[in-house]
N, C-alpha and C. Protein backbone atom coordinates (compact mmCIF):
# COMPACT_ATOMS: atom_id res chain seq x y z
N MET A 1 42.56 25.71 64.11
CA MET A 1 42.53 25.11 62.79
C MET A 1 43.95 24.90 62.24
N LYS A 2 44.94 25.28 63.01
CA LYS A 2 46.30 25.06 62.53
C LYS A 2 46.58 23.57 62.49
N PRO A 3 47.35 23.04 61.59
CA PRO A 3 48.11 23.69 60.52
C PRO A 3 47.35 23.75 59.19
N ARG A 4 46.03 23.61 59.19
CA ARG A 4 45.27 23.58 57.95
C ARG A 4 45.01 24.95 57.35
N VAL A 5 45.29 26.02 58.11
CA VAL A 5 44.98 27.37 57.68
C VAL A 5 46.25 28.14 57.37
N SER A 6 46.21 28.92 56.29
CA SER A 6 47.38 29.73 55.96
C SER A 6 46.96 31.00 55.24
N LEU A 7 47.80 32.02 55.34
CA LEU A 7 47.68 33.27 54.58
C LEU A 7 48.86 33.30 53.62
N GLN A 8 48.65 33.86 52.46
CA GLN A 8 49.74 33.99 51.50
C GLN A 8 50.47 35.31 51.79
N ASP A 9 51.52 35.23 52.61
CA ASP A 9 52.23 36.44 53.04
C ASP A 9 52.69 37.29 51.86
N SER A 10 53.16 36.66 50.78
CA SER A 10 53.64 37.43 49.63
C SER A 10 52.52 38.20 48.95
N ALA A 11 51.30 37.74 49.05
CA ALA A 11 50.15 38.41 48.41
C ALA A 11 49.61 39.56 49.24
N LEU A 12 49.94 39.61 50.54
CA LEU A 12 49.41 40.66 51.42
C LEU A 12 49.79 42.05 50.91
N ARG A 13 51.02 42.20 50.41
CA ARG A 13 51.48 43.50 49.92
C ARG A 13 50.67 43.98 48.72
N ASN A 14 50.08 43.03 47.97
CA ASN A 14 49.27 43.38 46.79
C ASN A 14 47.79 43.51 47.13
N GLY A 15 47.45 43.45 48.41
CA GLY A 15 46.06 43.62 48.82
C GLY A 15 45.26 42.33 48.82
N ASN A 16 45.91 41.19 48.68
CA ASN A 16 45.21 39.89 48.70
C ASN A 16 45.30 39.34 50.12
N PHE A 17 44.16 39.30 50.82
CA PHE A 17 44.13 38.84 52.20
C PHE A 17 43.40 37.52 52.31
N SER A 18 43.56 36.68 51.29
CA SER A 18 42.84 35.40 51.23
C SER A 18 43.30 34.45 52.32
N LEU A 19 42.32 33.72 52.84
CA LEU A 19 42.57 32.68 53.83
C LEU A 19 42.44 31.34 53.11
N ARG A 20 43.40 30.46 53.31
CA ARG A 20 43.37 29.14 52.68
C ARG A 20 43.17 28.09 53.75
N ILE A 21 42.18 27.20 53.56
CA ILE A 21 41.91 26.10 54.48
C ILE A 21 42.06 24.81 53.69
N ALA A 22 42.98 23.97 54.08
CA ALA A 22 43.19 22.70 53.38
C ALA A 22 43.68 21.64 54.36
N PRO A 23 42.99 20.55 54.47
CA PRO A 23 41.72 20.22 53.82
C PRO A 23 40.54 20.79 54.62
N VAL A 24 39.47 21.09 53.91
CA VAL A 24 38.25 21.59 54.54
C VAL A 24 37.54 20.44 55.22
N ARG A 25 37.00 20.69 56.42
CA ARG A 25 36.24 19.68 57.16
C ARG A 25 34.82 20.19 57.38
N SER A 26 33.92 19.28 57.68
CA SER A 26 32.51 19.64 57.92
C SER A 26 32.37 20.68 59.02
N GLU A 27 33.20 20.59 60.04
CA GLU A 27 33.09 21.52 61.17
C GLU A 27 33.60 22.93 60.83
N ASP A 28 34.16 23.14 59.64
CA ASP A 28 34.64 24.46 59.22
C ASP A 28 33.50 25.34 58.71
N VAL A 29 32.30 24.80 58.59
CA VAL A 29 31.14 25.55 58.11
C VAL A 29 30.91 26.76 59.00
N GLY A 30 30.57 27.89 58.38
CA GLY A 30 30.21 29.06 59.18
C GLY A 30 30.59 30.36 58.52
N LEU A 31 30.44 31.42 59.28
CA LEU A 31 30.71 32.78 58.81
C LEU A 31 32.13 33.17 59.23
N TYR A 32 32.90 33.67 58.27
CA TYR A 32 34.27 34.11 58.52
C TYR A 32 34.34 35.61 58.29
N GLU A 33 35.11 36.29 59.12
CA GLU A 33 35.29 37.73 58.96
C GLU A 33 36.78 38.02 58.82
N ALA A 34 37.09 38.86 57.85
CA ALA A 34 38.47 39.34 57.68
C ALA A 34 38.47 40.83 58.02
N GLN A 35 39.44 41.25 58.81
CA GLN A 35 39.61 42.66 59.15
C GLN A 35 41.02 43.08 58.80
N VAL A 36 41.10 44.15 58.05
CA VAL A 36 42.40 44.69 57.65
C VAL A 36 42.51 46.11 58.18
N LYS A 37 43.56 46.35 58.95
CA LYS A 37 43.80 47.70 59.49
C LYS A 37 45.01 48.28 58.77
N TYR A 38 44.81 49.44 58.19
CA TYR A 38 45.91 50.13 57.51
C TYR A 38 45.87 51.58 57.94
N ARG A 39 46.88 51.98 58.67
CA ARG A 39 46.95 53.31 59.30
C ARG A 39 45.70 53.53 60.15
N THR A 40 44.83 54.46 59.77
CA THR A 40 43.64 54.72 60.58
C THR A 40 42.39 54.05 60.01
N GLU A 41 42.53 53.40 58.88
CA GLU A 41 41.38 52.77 58.24
C GLU A 41 41.24 51.30 58.65
N VAL A 42 39.99 50.87 58.78
CA VAL A 42 39.70 49.46 59.05
C VAL A 42 38.72 48.97 57.98
N HIS A 43 39.10 47.94 57.26
CA HIS A 43 38.23 47.34 56.24
C HIS A 43 37.91 45.93 56.69
N SER A 44 36.67 45.52 56.43
CA SER A 44 36.32 44.14 56.79
C SER A 44 35.41 43.55 55.72
N CYS A 45 35.42 42.24 55.66
CA CYS A 45 34.50 41.52 54.77
C CYS A 45 34.07 40.24 55.47
N HIS A 46 32.90 39.75 55.06
CA HIS A 46 32.37 38.52 55.63
C HIS A 46 32.18 37.50 54.50
N VAL A 47 32.56 36.28 54.78
CA VAL A 47 32.41 35.19 53.82
C VAL A 47 31.80 34.00 54.55
N GLU A 48 30.76 33.44 53.95
CA GLU A 48 30.15 32.25 54.54
C GLU A 48 30.71 31.02 53.83
N LEU A 49 31.19 30.07 54.60
CA LEU A 49 31.73 28.83 54.04
C LEU A 49 30.71 27.72 54.20
N GLY A 50 30.32 27.11 53.11
CA GLY A 50 29.47 25.93 53.12
C GLY A 50 30.32 24.74 52.71
N VAL A 51 29.92 23.56 53.13
CA VAL A 51 30.69 22.36 52.85
C VAL A 51 29.78 21.29 52.26
N ILE A 52 30.29 20.58 51.27
CA ILE A 52 29.58 19.44 50.69
C ILE A 52 30.47 18.21 50.88
N THR A 53 29.86 17.10 51.27
CA THR A 53 30.63 15.87 51.50
C THR A 53 30.03 14.71 50.71
N VAL A 54 30.91 13.84 50.24
CA VAL A 54 30.51 12.59 49.60
C VAL A 54 31.04 11.48 50.49
N THR A 55 30.14 10.60 50.94
CA THR A 55 30.55 9.50 51.82
C THR A 55 30.15 8.16 51.21
N LEU A 56 30.92 7.15 51.54
CA LEU A 56 30.66 5.80 51.08
C LEU A 56 30.20 4.94 52.24
N SER A 57 29.28 4.03 51.95
CA SER A 57 28.87 3.06 52.94
C SER A 57 28.81 1.69 52.27
N PRO A 58 29.53 0.72 52.77
CA PRO A 58 30.40 0.80 53.95
C PRO A 58 31.66 1.62 53.64
N PRO A 59 32.23 2.24 54.69
CA PRO A 59 33.47 3.01 54.49
C PRO A 59 34.63 2.08 54.16
N GLY A 60 35.67 2.64 53.62
CA GLY A 60 36.84 1.85 53.28
C GLY A 60 36.83 1.46 51.82
N PRO A 61 37.69 0.51 51.45
CA PRO A 61 37.78 0.13 50.05
C PRO A 61 36.47 -0.45 49.53
N VAL A 62 36.14 -0.10 48.30
CA VAL A 62 34.93 -0.63 47.66
C VAL A 62 35.32 -1.94 46.98
N ILE A 63 34.60 -3.01 47.33
CA ILE A 63 34.89 -4.33 46.79
C ILE A 63 33.91 -4.63 45.66
N GLU A 64 34.44 -5.12 44.56
CA GLU A 64 33.61 -5.48 43.42
C GLU A 64 32.50 -6.45 43.84
N ASN A 65 31.28 -6.20 43.36
CA ASN A 65 30.09 -7.03 43.58
C ASN A 65 29.49 -6.92 44.98
N GLU A 66 29.99 -6.02 45.85
CA GLU A 66 29.41 -5.83 47.18
C GLU A 66 28.64 -4.51 47.20
N LEU A 67 27.43 -4.50 47.77
CA LEU A 67 26.57 -3.33 47.79
C LEU A 67 27.32 -2.07 48.21
N LEU A 68 27.09 -0.98 47.46
CA LEU A 68 27.73 0.30 47.74
C LEU A 68 26.68 1.39 47.77
N LEU A 69 26.75 2.25 48.78
CA LEU A 69 25.90 3.43 48.86
C LEU A 69 26.81 4.65 48.87
N MET A 70 26.55 5.59 47.96
CA MET A 70 27.27 6.86 47.94
C MET A 70 26.27 7.94 48.32
N SER A 71 26.60 8.73 49.35
CA SER A 71 25.72 9.79 49.81
C SER A 71 26.38 11.14 49.63
N CYS A 72 25.54 12.13 49.36
CA CYS A 72 26.02 13.49 49.14
C CYS A 72 25.25 14.41 50.07
N ASN A 73 25.96 15.16 50.90
CA ASN A 73 25.31 16.07 51.85
C ASN A 73 25.98 17.43 51.80
N SER A 74 25.18 18.45 52.07
CA SER A 74 25.68 19.81 52.05
C SER A 74 25.16 20.56 53.27
N SER A 75 25.89 21.61 53.64
CA SER A 75 25.46 22.44 54.77
C SER A 75 24.42 23.47 54.33
N HIS A 76 24.06 23.51 53.05
CA HIS A 76 23.08 24.48 52.56
C HIS A 76 21.73 24.25 53.23
N GLN A 77 21.05 25.34 53.59
CA GLN A 77 19.85 25.24 54.42
C GLN A 77 18.53 25.13 53.66
N ALA A 78 18.51 25.42 52.36
CA ALA A 78 17.25 25.37 51.61
C ALA A 78 16.81 23.92 51.40
N SER A 79 15.57 23.74 50.90
CA SER A 79 15.04 22.39 50.66
C SER A 79 15.68 21.79 49.42
N LEU A 80 16.07 20.53 49.53
CA LEU A 80 16.67 19.82 48.41
C LEU A 80 15.58 19.46 47.40
N VAL A 81 15.81 19.77 46.14
CA VAL A 81 14.86 19.46 45.07
C VAL A 81 15.29 18.20 44.33
N GLU A 82 16.58 18.10 44.02
CA GLU A 82 17.05 16.97 43.21
C GLU A 82 18.54 16.73 43.43
N THR A 83 18.91 15.46 43.40
CA THR A 83 20.32 15.07 43.43
C THR A 83 20.63 14.34 42.13
N CYS A 84 21.68 14.75 41.46
CA CYS A 84 22.12 14.06 40.24
C CYS A 84 23.55 13.58 40.43
N TRP A 85 23.79 12.37 39.97
CA TRP A 85 25.12 11.78 40.00
C TRP A 85 25.58 11.60 38.55
N PHE A 86 26.79 12.07 38.26
CA PHE A 86 27.37 11.94 36.92
C PHE A 86 28.62 11.08 37.03
N HIS A 87 28.68 10.02 36.25
CA HIS A 87 29.85 9.15 36.23
C HIS A 87 30.64 9.41 34.96
N ASN A 88 31.92 9.73 35.12
CA ASN A 88 32.78 10.04 33.98
C ASN A 88 32.08 11.00 33.03
N GLU A 89 32.05 12.26 33.42
CA GLU A 89 31.25 13.28 32.74
C GLU A 89 31.51 13.43 31.24
N HIS A 90 32.68 12.99 30.78
CA HIS A 90 32.95 13.10 29.35
C HIS A 90 32.14 12.06 28.61
N PRO A 91 31.47 12.44 27.51
CA PRO A 91 30.64 11.49 26.77
C PRO A 91 31.45 10.27 26.33
N GLY A 92 30.85 9.13 26.41
CA GLY A 92 31.51 7.88 26.02
C GLY A 92 30.75 6.70 26.58
N PRO A 93 31.27 5.50 26.37
CA PRO A 93 30.55 4.30 26.80
C PRO A 93 30.40 4.18 28.31
N THR A 94 31.29 4.81 29.09
CA THR A 94 31.18 4.68 30.55
C THR A 94 30.50 5.89 31.18
N SER A 95 30.01 6.82 30.37
CA SER A 95 29.36 8.02 30.90
C SER A 95 27.91 7.70 31.26
N ARG A 96 27.52 8.02 32.53
CA ARG A 96 26.16 7.76 33.00
C ARG A 96 25.69 8.88 33.90
N THR A 97 24.37 9.07 33.97
CA THR A 97 23.77 10.07 34.83
C THR A 97 22.57 9.46 35.56
N PHE A 98 22.47 9.74 36.87
CA PHE A 98 21.35 9.27 37.69
C PHE A 98 20.82 10.46 38.46
N CYS A 99 19.51 10.71 38.40
CA CYS A 99 18.90 11.81 39.15
C CYS A 99 17.73 11.29 39.97
N SER A 100 17.59 11.81 41.19
CA SER A 100 16.46 11.42 42.05
C SER A 100 16.30 12.47 43.15
N SER A 101 15.27 12.29 43.98
CA SER A 101 15.07 13.20 45.10
C SER A 101 15.87 12.78 46.33
N SER A 102 16.50 11.61 46.27
CA SER A 102 17.30 11.10 47.38
C SER A 102 18.75 11.58 47.25
N ARG A 103 19.42 11.74 48.38
CA ARG A 103 20.83 12.13 48.38
C ARG A 103 21.75 10.93 48.16
N THR A 104 21.18 9.72 48.15
CA THR A 104 21.99 8.51 48.13
C THR A 104 21.84 7.76 46.82
N LEU A 105 22.97 7.29 46.30
CA LEU A 105 23.00 6.46 45.10
C LEU A 105 23.34 5.04 45.53
N PHE A 106 22.51 4.07 45.13
CA PHE A 106 22.75 2.66 45.44
C PHE A 106 23.36 2.00 44.21
N ILE A 107 24.48 1.33 44.39
CA ILE A 107 25.06 0.50 43.33
C ILE A 107 25.07 -0.92 43.88
N LEU A 108 24.15 -1.75 43.37
CA LEU A 108 23.94 -3.07 43.94
C LEU A 108 25.14 -4.00 43.78
N ARG A 109 25.73 -4.01 42.61
CA ARG A 109 26.88 -4.87 42.34
C ARG A 109 27.94 -4.06 41.61
N PRO A 110 28.72 -3.25 42.35
CA PRO A 110 29.72 -2.41 41.67
C PRO A 110 30.71 -3.26 40.88
N ALA A 111 31.02 -2.79 39.68
CA ALA A 111 31.97 -3.47 38.80
C ALA A 111 33.16 -2.54 38.58
N MET A 112 34.19 -3.07 38.00
CA MET A 112 35.37 -2.26 37.71
C MET A 112 35.01 -1.07 36.83
N SER A 113 34.00 -1.22 35.99
CA SER A 113 33.57 -0.12 35.11
C SER A 113 32.94 1.03 35.89
N ASP A 114 32.57 0.81 37.16
CA ASP A 114 32.01 1.87 38.00
C ASP A 114 33.09 2.75 38.62
N ALA A 115 34.34 2.34 38.50
CA ALA A 115 35.44 3.14 39.04
C ALA A 115 35.56 4.43 38.23
N GLY A 116 36.15 5.43 38.84
CA GLY A 116 36.39 6.69 38.15
C GLY A 116 35.73 7.86 38.83
N SER A 117 35.57 8.92 38.09
CA SER A 117 35.07 10.18 38.62
C SER A 117 33.55 10.17 38.73
N TRP A 118 33.04 10.44 39.95
CA TRP A 118 31.61 10.59 40.21
C TRP A 118 31.38 12.00 40.73
N THR A 119 30.47 12.74 40.09
CA THR A 119 30.12 14.08 40.55
C THR A 119 28.70 14.06 41.09
N CYS A 120 28.56 14.57 42.29
CA CYS A 120 27.26 14.71 42.94
C CYS A 120 26.84 16.17 42.79
N GLN A 121 25.64 16.38 42.25
CA GLN A 121 25.13 17.74 42.08
C GLN A 121 23.81 17.86 42.83
N LEU A 122 23.76 18.80 43.78
CA LEU A 122 22.56 19.04 44.58
C LEU A 122 21.88 20.32 44.09
N ARG A 123 20.59 20.22 43.79
CA ARG A 123 19.81 21.39 43.35
C ARG A 123 18.77 21.70 44.42
N TYR A 124 18.74 22.96 44.86
CA TYR A 124 17.89 23.38 45.97
C TYR A 124 16.74 24.28 45.51
N SER A 125 15.74 24.42 46.39
CA SER A 125 14.54 25.22 46.09
C SER A 125 14.86 26.70 45.84
N ASP A 126 15.97 27.19 46.38
CA ASP A 126 16.34 28.60 46.17
C ASP A 126 17.20 28.78 44.92
N LYS A 127 17.21 27.76 44.05
CA LYS A 127 17.94 27.76 42.77
C LYS A 127 19.44 27.56 42.92
N GLU A 128 19.91 27.34 44.13
CA GLU A 128 21.34 27.09 44.36
C GLU A 128 21.68 25.69 43.86
N ILE A 129 22.82 25.57 43.17
CA ILE A 129 23.31 24.27 42.70
C ILE A 129 24.73 24.10 43.24
N ILE A 130 24.93 23.00 43.96
CA ILE A 130 26.20 22.74 44.61
C ILE A 130 26.69 21.37 44.15
N SER A 131 27.99 21.23 43.88
CA SER A 131 28.48 19.93 43.43
C SER A 131 29.84 19.60 44.02
N ALA A 132 30.14 18.32 44.04
CA ALA A 132 31.44 17.82 44.49
C ALA A 132 31.79 16.60 43.66
N THR A 133 33.08 16.38 43.45
CA THR A 133 33.54 15.24 42.66
C THR A 133 34.33 14.30 43.55
N PHE A 134 34.10 13.01 43.35
CA PHE A 134 34.74 11.97 44.15
C PHE A 134 35.34 10.94 43.19
N ASN A 135 36.57 10.53 43.44
CA ASN A 135 37.21 9.52 42.60
C ASN A 135 37.02 8.16 43.25
N LEU A 136 36.16 7.34 42.64
CA LEU A 136 35.83 6.03 43.19
C LEU A 136 36.81 4.98 42.69
N GLN A 137 37.40 4.27 43.63
CA GLN A 137 38.29 3.16 43.29
C GLN A 137 37.64 1.87 43.75
N ILE A 138 37.72 0.86 42.92
CA ILE A 138 37.09 -0.43 43.22
C ILE A 138 38.15 -1.52 43.19
N LEU A 139 38.12 -2.35 44.24
CA LEU A 139 39.03 -3.49 44.29
C LEU A 139 38.33 -4.69 43.66
N GLY A 140 38.98 -5.29 42.69
CA GLY A 140 38.39 -6.45 42.03
C GLY A 140 39.31 -6.95 40.95
N PHE A 141 38.78 -7.86 40.18
CA PHE A 141 39.56 -8.48 39.11
C PHE A 141 39.13 -7.87 37.79
N ASP A 142 40.07 -7.26 37.10
CA ASP A 142 39.78 -6.66 35.81
C ASP A 142 40.53 -7.44 34.74
N GLY A 143 40.23 -8.71 34.66
CA GLY A 143 40.92 -9.59 33.73
C GLY A 143 40.20 -9.70 32.40
N PRO A 144 40.62 -10.65 31.61
CA PRO A 144 39.99 -10.82 30.29
C PRO A 144 38.56 -11.34 30.44
N ALA A 145 37.72 -11.02 29.45
CA ALA A 145 36.34 -11.48 29.45
C ALA A 145 36.29 -13.00 29.39
N ASN A 146 37.21 -13.57 28.66
CA ASN A 146 37.32 -15.03 28.55
C ASN A 146 38.41 -15.48 29.51
N PRO A 147 38.10 -16.30 30.53
CA PRO A 147 39.10 -16.67 31.53
C PRO A 147 40.15 -17.68 31.05
N VAL A 148 40.06 -18.12 29.79
CA VAL A 148 41.05 -19.07 29.26
C VAL A 148 42.11 -18.28 28.52
N VAL A 149 43.37 -18.43 28.94
CA VAL A 149 44.49 -17.74 28.29
C VAL A 149 45.45 -18.81 27.79
N TYR A 150 45.89 -18.67 26.54
CA TYR A 150 46.83 -19.61 25.97
C TYR A 150 48.20 -18.98 25.90
N ALA A 151 49.22 -19.79 26.20
CA ALA A 151 50.59 -19.31 26.12
C ALA A 151 51.45 -20.41 25.53
N ALA A 152 52.46 -20.01 24.79
CA ALA A 152 53.38 -20.99 24.21
C ALA A 152 54.23 -21.59 25.30
N ALA A 153 54.45 -22.89 25.21
CA ALA A 153 55.32 -23.57 26.19
C ALA A 153 56.69 -22.92 26.13
N GLY A 154 57.23 -22.65 27.32
CA GLY A 154 58.55 -22.04 27.40
C GLY A 154 58.53 -20.52 27.44
N SER A 155 57.35 -19.91 27.23
CA SER A 155 57.26 -18.44 27.26
C SER A 155 56.70 -17.99 28.61
N ALA A 156 56.63 -16.69 28.83
CA ALA A 156 56.05 -16.14 30.05
C ALA A 156 54.60 -15.77 29.78
N VAL A 157 53.79 -15.81 30.82
CA VAL A 157 52.39 -15.41 30.67
C VAL A 157 51.95 -14.62 31.90
N ASP A 158 51.15 -13.59 31.68
CA ASP A 158 50.57 -12.79 32.77
C ASP A 158 49.08 -13.00 32.78
């Protein structure tokens, strides 16, 4: 897993034996064991790492007005009850929420207003709730609502 894995050497003296994985990949899912030996004592702990992924279809840049599918998947083993998508979670004119039993959100004609923070929240039968946030960028024209622009002769115009 090198070079994605590191220990904070300065924290070891204070009893912090944390393992850092960056960036996390789907194949990193599993059970991790830490063992610390100090003189004659051996201490260990187990941590299970689960991973949640947000994928776009088609992959690559999202083009304005072209069908977009956003999928959310997790390594959690319980039955999925509900998937909710939150767009720009702060209340306002661009804040939206979509919930369904499907892991996939269809946006038929993505617009520039669909850009921004999307949070996928998965709720499972064992009451576990897992979420991930994805920053959606859309390529398109974000010009004036009225395509006619007037400019004085001799001046500059954008």
